[in-house]
Amino acid sequence: MLHTGGKLTEVPSLYPAGRGVGSNGVDSESSATVVLPTMLRPHAAGSAKVLCSGSTVGEVLDSLIRQHPGLEARITTGKNEIRRFVNVYVEDEDVRALGGVDAPIRAGVTITILCAVAGG
């Protein structure tokens, strides 16, 4: 409601009913949940899951990196490419088989990031 000239006037919402922007700036209507492995969580304030926005894998990763800049060097090459030793899955599908960072996604999907671990 907006008070104008002694009258209360209804102000239309910026978002349709049932849609909104969360405290992290993510539009709940076009969001994806990104699941992070234990080794990346310290770079994401300890979060195991991060709500991100975007309609492609690349846009979701950009949203993740905007929220947690420390993840950029660990996930991407800086050239809009996923690092060779990082695997990203949309639901159970490897994004490299779906078209890489340009692969479209639907709202509400789960994107899982897994990093290769070497050892001896």
N, C-alpha and C. Protein backbone atom coordinates (compact mmCIF):
# COMPACT_ATOMS: atom_id res chain seq x y z
N MET A 1 0.83 -1.17 0.00
CA MET A 1 0.00 0.00 0.00
C MET A 1 0.88 1.24 0.00
N LEU A 2 0.46 2.21 -0.74
CA LEU A 2 1.18 3.46 -0.84
C LEU A 2 0.24 4.58 -0.45
N HIS A 3 0.68 5.49 0.39
CA HIS A 3 -0.14 6.60 0.84
C HIS A 3 0.06 7.77 -0.12
N THR A 4 -1.00 8.11 -0.89
CA THR A 4 -0.91 9.21 -1.84
C THR A 4 -2.10 10.13 -1.68
N GLY A 5 -1.85 11.37 -1.40
CA GLY A 5 -2.92 12.36 -1.31
C GLY A 5 -4.04 11.98 -0.37
N GLY A 6 -3.72 11.41 0.78
CA GLY A 6 -4.75 11.07 1.75
C GLY A 6 -5.43 9.74 1.47
N LYS A 7 -5.06 9.06 0.39
CA LYS A 7 -5.65 7.77 0.04
C LYS A 7 -4.58 6.68 0.09
N LEU A 8 -5.01 5.48 0.39
CA LEU A 8 -4.12 4.34 0.30
C LEU A 8 -4.32 3.70 -1.06
N THR A 9 -3.26 3.53 -1.79
CA THR A 9 -3.31 2.98 -3.14
C THR A 9 -2.55 1.66 -3.17
N GLU A 10 -3.15 0.68 -3.79
CA GLU A 10 -2.50 -0.64 -3.92
C GLU A 10 -1.35 -0.52 -4.90
N VAL A 11 -0.18 -1.00 -4.49
CA VAL A 11 0.99 -0.99 -5.36
C VAL A 11 1.20 -2.42 -5.84
N PRO A 12 1.28 -2.61 -7.16
CA PRO A 12 1.47 -3.97 -7.66
C PRO A 12 2.81 -4.54 -7.21
N SER A 13 2.82 -5.82 -6.93
CA SER A 13 4.04 -6.49 -6.51
C SER A 13 5.01 -6.59 -7.68
N LEU A 14 6.29 -6.56 -7.39
CA LEU A 14 7.29 -6.77 -8.42
C LEU A 14 7.33 -8.22 -8.86
N TYR A 15 6.81 -9.11 -8.00
CA TYR A 15 6.85 -10.53 -8.28
C TYR A 15 5.45 -11.10 -8.20
N PRO A 16 5.09 -11.99 -9.14
CA PRO A 16 3.78 -12.62 -9.06
C PRO A 16 3.63 -13.42 -7.77
N ALA A 17 2.39 -13.73 -7.42
CA ALA A 17 2.12 -14.50 -6.20
C ALA A 17 2.94 -15.78 -6.20
N GLY A 18 3.50 -16.09 -5.04
CA GLY A 18 4.28 -17.30 -4.90
C GLY A 18 5.72 -17.17 -5.38
N ARG A 19 6.10 -15.99 -5.81
CA ARG A 19 7.44 -15.79 -6.32
C ARG A 19 8.09 -14.67 -5.55
N GLY A 20 9.36 -14.76 -5.32
CA GLY A 20 10.03 -13.69 -4.61
C GLY A 20 11.52 -13.85 -4.64
N VAL A 21 12.19 -12.86 -4.09
CA VAL A 21 13.64 -12.89 -4.04
C VAL A 21 14.04 -13.11 -2.60
N GLY A 22 14.90 -14.09 -2.38
CA GLY A 22 15.36 -14.40 -1.03
C GLY A 22 16.38 -13.40 -0.54
N SER A 23 16.83 -13.58 0.67
CA SER A 23 17.79 -12.66 1.29
C SER A 23 19.13 -12.66 0.58
N ASN A 24 19.43 -13.74 -0.20
CA ASN A 24 20.69 -13.78 -0.93
C ASN A 24 20.55 -13.21 -2.34
N GLY A 25 19.37 -12.62 -2.65
CA GLY A 25 19.15 -12.03 -3.96
C GLY A 25 18.77 -13.04 -5.03
N VAL A 26 18.47 -14.28 -4.65
CA VAL A 26 18.14 -15.33 -5.61
C VAL A 26 16.64 -15.37 -5.83
N ASP A 27 16.24 -15.34 -7.07
CA ASP A 27 14.84 -15.44 -7.45
C ASP A 27 14.40 -16.89 -7.25
N SER A 28 13.46 -17.10 -6.34
CA SER A 28 13.04 -18.47 -6.01
C SER A 28 12.37 -19.18 -7.17
N GLU A 29 11.91 -18.44 -8.16
CA GLU A 29 11.25 -19.05 -9.31
C GLU A 29 12.25 -19.65 -10.30
N SER A 30 13.47 -19.13 -10.36
CA SER A 30 14.46 -19.63 -11.31
C SER A 30 15.70 -20.10 -10.57
N SER A 31 15.48 -20.80 -9.47
CA SER A 31 16.62 -21.19 -8.64
C SER A 31 17.00 -22.65 -8.81
N ALA A 32 18.23 -22.92 -8.44
CA ALA A 32 18.76 -24.28 -8.41
C ALA A 32 19.53 -24.42 -7.10
N THR A 33 19.57 -25.61 -6.57
CA THR A 33 20.35 -25.87 -5.36
C THR A 33 21.67 -26.47 -5.78
N VAL A 34 22.77 -25.84 -5.36
CA VAL A 34 24.10 -26.35 -5.66
C VAL A 34 24.62 -27.05 -4.41
N VAL A 35 24.99 -28.32 -4.58
CA VAL A 35 25.53 -29.12 -3.48
C VAL A 35 27.05 -29.12 -3.61
N LEU A 36 27.72 -28.72 -2.53
CA LEU A 36 29.17 -28.61 -2.53
C LEU A 36 29.82 -29.76 -1.77
N PRO A 37 30.98 -30.26 -2.27
CA PRO A 37 31.69 -31.29 -1.53
C PRO A 37 32.35 -30.68 -0.30
N THR A 38 32.70 -31.52 0.65
CA THR A 38 33.29 -31.08 1.90
C THR A 38 34.50 -30.18 1.68
N MET A 39 35.35 -30.50 0.70
CA MET A 39 36.57 -29.73 0.49
C MET A 39 36.32 -28.29 0.00
N LEU A 40 35.15 -28.00 -0.55
CA LEU A 40 34.84 -26.64 -1.01
C LEU A 40 34.05 -25.84 0.01
N ARG A 41 33.48 -26.48 0.98
CA ARG A 41 32.62 -25.80 1.95
C ARG A 41 33.30 -24.67 2.72
N PRO A 42 34.58 -24.79 3.08
CA PRO A 42 35.22 -23.66 3.78
C PRO A 42 35.23 -22.37 2.94
N HIS A 43 35.16 -22.51 1.62
CA HIS A 43 35.16 -21.35 0.73
C HIS A 43 33.75 -20.83 0.48
N ALA A 44 32.77 -21.48 1.10
CA ALA A 44 31.36 -21.09 0.96
C ALA A 44 30.74 -20.90 2.34
N ALA A 45 31.52 -20.34 3.26
CA ALA A 45 31.05 -20.07 4.63
C ALA A 45 30.53 -21.34 5.31
N GLY A 46 31.09 -22.50 4.93
CA GLY A 46 30.70 -23.75 5.56
C GLY A 46 29.44 -24.38 5.01
N SER A 47 28.83 -23.77 4.00
CA SER A 47 27.57 -24.26 3.44
C SER A 47 27.74 -25.54 2.63
N ALA A 48 26.87 -26.50 2.86
CA ALA A 48 26.83 -27.72 2.06
C ALA A 48 25.97 -27.52 0.82
N LYS A 49 24.97 -26.64 0.93
CA LYS A 49 24.05 -26.36 -0.17
C LYS A 49 23.89 -24.85 -0.29
N VAL A 50 23.85 -24.37 -1.53
CA VAL A 50 23.69 -22.95 -1.79
C VAL A 50 22.60 -22.77 -2.83
N LEU A 51 21.63 -21.92 -2.55
CA LEU A 51 20.56 -21.61 -3.50
C LEU A 51 21.08 -20.57 -4.48
N CYS A 52 21.02 -20.88 -5.76
CA CYS A 52 21.55 -20.00 -6.81
C CYS A 52 20.50 -19.81 -7.90
N SER A 53 20.66 -18.72 -8.66
CA SER A 53 19.72 -18.46 -9.75
C SER A 53 20.39 -18.65 -11.09
N GLY A 54 19.58 -18.87 -12.12
CA GLY A 54 20.09 -18.99 -13.47
C GLY A 54 19.28 -19.96 -14.29
N SER A 55 19.37 -19.79 -15.62
CA SER A 55 18.65 -20.70 -16.52
C SER A 55 19.61 -21.61 -17.27
N THR A 56 20.92 -21.41 -17.06
CA THR A 56 21.92 -22.32 -17.61
C THR A 56 22.89 -22.70 -16.49
N VAL A 57 23.67 -23.73 -16.73
CA VAL A 57 24.66 -24.15 -15.73
C VAL A 57 25.63 -23.00 -15.46
N GLY A 58 26.07 -22.32 -16.51
CA GLY A 58 27.00 -21.20 -16.35
C GLY A 58 26.43 -20.08 -15.50
N GLU A 59 25.16 -19.75 -15.71
CA GLU A 59 24.52 -18.69 -14.91
C GLU A 59 24.41 -19.10 -13.45
N VAL A 60 24.14 -20.37 -13.20
CA VAL A 60 24.06 -20.85 -11.82
C VAL A 60 25.44 -20.79 -11.17
N LEU A 61 26.47 -21.20 -11.89
CA LEU A 61 27.82 -21.12 -11.34
C LEU A 61 28.23 -19.67 -11.09
N ASP A 62 27.84 -18.75 -11.99
CA ASP A 62 28.11 -17.33 -11.77
C ASP A 62 27.43 -16.84 -10.50
N SER A 63 26.19 -17.27 -10.28
CA SER A 63 25.45 -16.89 -9.08
C SER A 63 26.15 -17.43 -7.83
N LEU A 64 26.63 -18.67 -7.91
CA LEU A 64 27.35 -19.28 -6.80
C LEU A 64 28.62 -18.48 -6.49
N ILE A 65 29.35 -18.12 -7.52
CA ILE A 65 30.61 -17.39 -7.35
C ILE A 65 30.37 -15.96 -6.85
N ARG A 66 29.28 -15.34 -7.27
CA ARG A 66 28.94 -14.00 -6.74
C ARG A 66 28.69 -14.08 -5.23
N GLN A 67 28.06 -15.15 -4.78
CA GLN A 67 27.77 -15.32 -3.36
C GLN A 67 29.01 -15.74 -2.57
N HIS A 68 29.89 -16.51 -3.21
CA HIS A 68 31.09 -17.03 -2.54
C HIS A 68 32.28 -16.93 -3.50
N PRO A 69 32.88 -15.74 -3.63
CA PRO A 69 33.96 -15.51 -4.60
C PRO A 69 35.15 -16.44 -4.44
N GLY A 70 35.39 -16.97 -3.26
CA GLY A 70 36.51 -17.88 -3.04
C GLY A 70 36.40 -19.19 -3.81
N LEU A 71 35.23 -19.48 -4.34
CA LEU A 71 35.05 -20.72 -5.10
C LEU A 71 35.50 -20.61 -6.55
N GLU A 72 35.61 -19.40 -7.06
CA GLU A 72 35.88 -19.22 -8.49
C GLU A 72 37.12 -19.98 -8.97
N ALA A 73 38.25 -19.76 -8.34
CA ALA A 73 39.49 -20.41 -8.77
C ALA A 73 39.46 -21.91 -8.58
N ARG A 74 38.59 -22.41 -7.74
CA ARG A 74 38.54 -23.83 -7.46
C ARG A 74 37.58 -24.58 -8.39
N ILE A 75 36.67 -23.83 -9.04
CA ILE A 75 35.66 -24.46 -9.90
C ILE A 75 35.88 -24.15 -11.38
N THR A 76 36.23 -22.90 -11.70
CA THR A 76 36.34 -22.48 -13.10
C THR A 76 37.76 -22.07 -13.45
N THR A 77 38.01 -22.01 -14.76
CA THR A 77 39.33 -21.60 -15.25
C THR A 77 39.44 -20.09 -15.36
N GLY A 78 38.34 -19.38 -15.17
CA GLY A 78 38.32 -17.94 -15.36
C GLY A 78 37.97 -17.59 -16.80
N LYS A 79 37.83 -18.59 -17.65
CA LYS A 79 37.47 -18.38 -19.06
C LYS A 79 36.10 -18.98 -19.35
N ASN A 80 35.23 -18.93 -18.35
CA ASN A 80 33.88 -19.49 -18.47
C ASN A 80 33.92 -20.99 -18.77
N GLU A 81 34.91 -21.68 -18.20
CA GLU A 81 35.03 -23.12 -18.36
C GLU A 81 35.16 -23.77 -16.98
N ILE A 82 34.62 -24.96 -16.86
CA ILE A 82 34.75 -25.73 -15.63
C ILE A 82 36.13 -26.39 -15.65
N ARG A 83 36.82 -26.34 -14.53
CA ARG A 83 38.15 -26.96 -14.45
C ARG A 83 38.09 -28.44 -14.80
N ARG A 84 39.16 -28.94 -15.36
CA ARG A 84 39.23 -30.32 -15.84
C ARG A 84 38.97 -31.34 -14.73
N PHE A 85 39.45 -31.07 -13.53
CA PHE A 85 39.32 -32.03 -12.43
C PHE A 85 38.06 -31.82 -11.59
N VAL A 86 37.18 -30.92 -12.06
CA VAL A 86 35.91 -30.67 -11.37
C VAL A 86 34.79 -31.25 -12.21
N ASN A 87 33.94 -32.05 -11.59
CA ASN A 87 32.78 -32.62 -12.27
C ASN A 87 31.53 -31.96 -11.74
N VAL A 88 30.67 -31.55 -12.66
CA VAL A 88 29.41 -30.89 -12.30
C VAL A 88 28.28 -31.72 -12.88
N TYR A 89 27.29 -32.02 -12.05
CA TYR A 89 26.16 -32.84 -12.46
C TYR A 89 24.86 -32.07 -12.26
N VAL A 90 23.99 -32.14 -13.25
CA VAL A 90 22.62 -31.64 -13.13
C VAL A 90 21.78 -32.89 -12.91
N GLU A 91 21.23 -32.98 -11.68
CA GLU A 91 20.59 -34.21 -11.23
C GLU A 91 21.66 -35.30 -11.35
N ASP A 92 21.54 -36.27 -12.24
CA ASP A 92 22.55 -37.33 -12.35
C ASP A 92 23.34 -37.28 -13.65
N GLU A 93 23.18 -36.19 -14.40
CA GLU A 93 23.82 -36.08 -15.71
C GLU A 93 25.04 -35.17 -15.66
N ASP A 94 26.16 -35.64 -16.21
CA ASP A 94 27.39 -34.85 -16.29
C ASP A 94 27.14 -33.68 -17.25
N VAL A 95 27.42 -32.46 -16.82
CA VAL A 95 27.13 -31.30 -17.68
C VAL A 95 27.96 -31.29 -18.95
N ARG A 96 29.08 -31.96 -18.95
CA ARG A 96 29.89 -32.01 -20.18
C ARG A 96 29.12 -32.74 -21.29
N ALA A 97 28.30 -33.71 -20.91
CA ALA A 97 27.48 -34.43 -21.88
C ALA A 97 26.22 -33.66 -22.25
N LEU A 98 25.88 -32.65 -21.45
CA LEU A 98 24.66 -31.86 -21.69
C LEU A 98 24.93 -30.54 -22.44
N GLY A 99 26.21 -30.23 -22.69
CA GLY A 99 26.53 -28.99 -23.37
C GLY A 99 27.39 -28.04 -22.55
N GLY A 100 27.92 -28.51 -21.43
CA GLY A 100 28.80 -27.67 -20.61
C GLY A 100 28.07 -26.53 -19.93
N VAL A 101 28.75 -25.40 -19.80
CA VAL A 101 28.17 -24.27 -19.06
C VAL A 101 26.96 -23.67 -19.77
N ASP A 102 26.79 -23.96 -21.05
CA ASP A 102 25.64 -23.44 -21.79
C ASP A 102 24.41 -24.32 -21.67
N ALA A 103 24.53 -25.44 -20.98
CA ALA A 103 23.41 -26.37 -20.84
C ALA A 103 22.26 -25.71 -20.09
N PRO A 104 21.06 -25.72 -20.67
CA PRO A 104 19.90 -25.13 -19.98
C PRO A 104 19.47 -26.01 -18.80
N ILE A 105 18.91 -25.37 -17.79
CA ILE A 105 18.38 -26.11 -16.65
C ILE A 105 16.98 -25.62 -16.35
N ARG A 106 16.22 -26.43 -15.66
CA ARG A 106 14.89 -26.02 -15.23
C ARG A 106 14.96 -25.60 -13.77
N ALA A 107 14.03 -24.79 -13.36
CA ALA A 107 13.99 -24.33 -11.98
C ALA A 107 13.82 -25.50 -11.03
N GLY A 108 14.48 -25.42 -9.89
CA GLY A 108 14.33 -26.43 -8.85
C GLY A 108 15.28 -27.61 -8.94
N VAL A 109 16.17 -27.63 -9.94
CA VAL A 109 17.09 -28.77 -10.06
C VAL A 109 18.18 -28.71 -8.99
N THR A 110 18.81 -29.84 -8.80
CA THR A 110 19.97 -29.92 -7.92
C THR A 110 21.20 -30.09 -8.78
N ILE A 111 22.18 -29.23 -8.56
CA ILE A 111 23.46 -29.31 -9.27
C ILE A 111 24.50 -29.70 -8.23
N THR A 112 25.21 -30.77 -8.52
CA THR A 112 26.22 -31.28 -7.60
C THR A 112 27.61 -31.05 -8.18
N ILE A 113 28.50 -30.51 -7.36
CA ILE A 113 29.88 -30.29 -7.77
C ILE A 113 30.74 -31.31 -7.03
N LEU A 114 31.56 -32.03 -7.79
CA LEU A 114 32.48 -33.00 -7.20
C LEU A 114 33.88 -32.70 -7.72
N CYS A 115 34.85 -32.72 -6.84
CA CYS A 115 36.24 -32.48 -7.22
C CYS A 115 37.01 -33.79 -7.15
N ALA A 116 37.88 -34.00 -8.14
CA ALA A 116 38.75 -35.17 -8.09
C ALA A 116 39.75 -35.00 -6.96
N VAL A 117 40.03 -36.09 -6.28
CA VAL A 117 40.98 -36.04 -5.17
C VAL A 117 42.10 -37.03 -5.48
N ALA A 118 43.32 -36.53 -5.45
CA ALA A 118 44.47 -37.38 -5.70
C ALA A 118 45.16 -37.70 -4.39
N GLY A 119 45.79 -38.79 -4.36
CA GLY A 119 46.50 -39.15 -3.13
C GLY A 119 47.33 -40.40 -3.35
N GLY A 120 48.04 -40.75 -2.35
CA GLY A 120 48.88 -41.91 -2.53
C GLY A 120 49.01 -42.71 -1.29
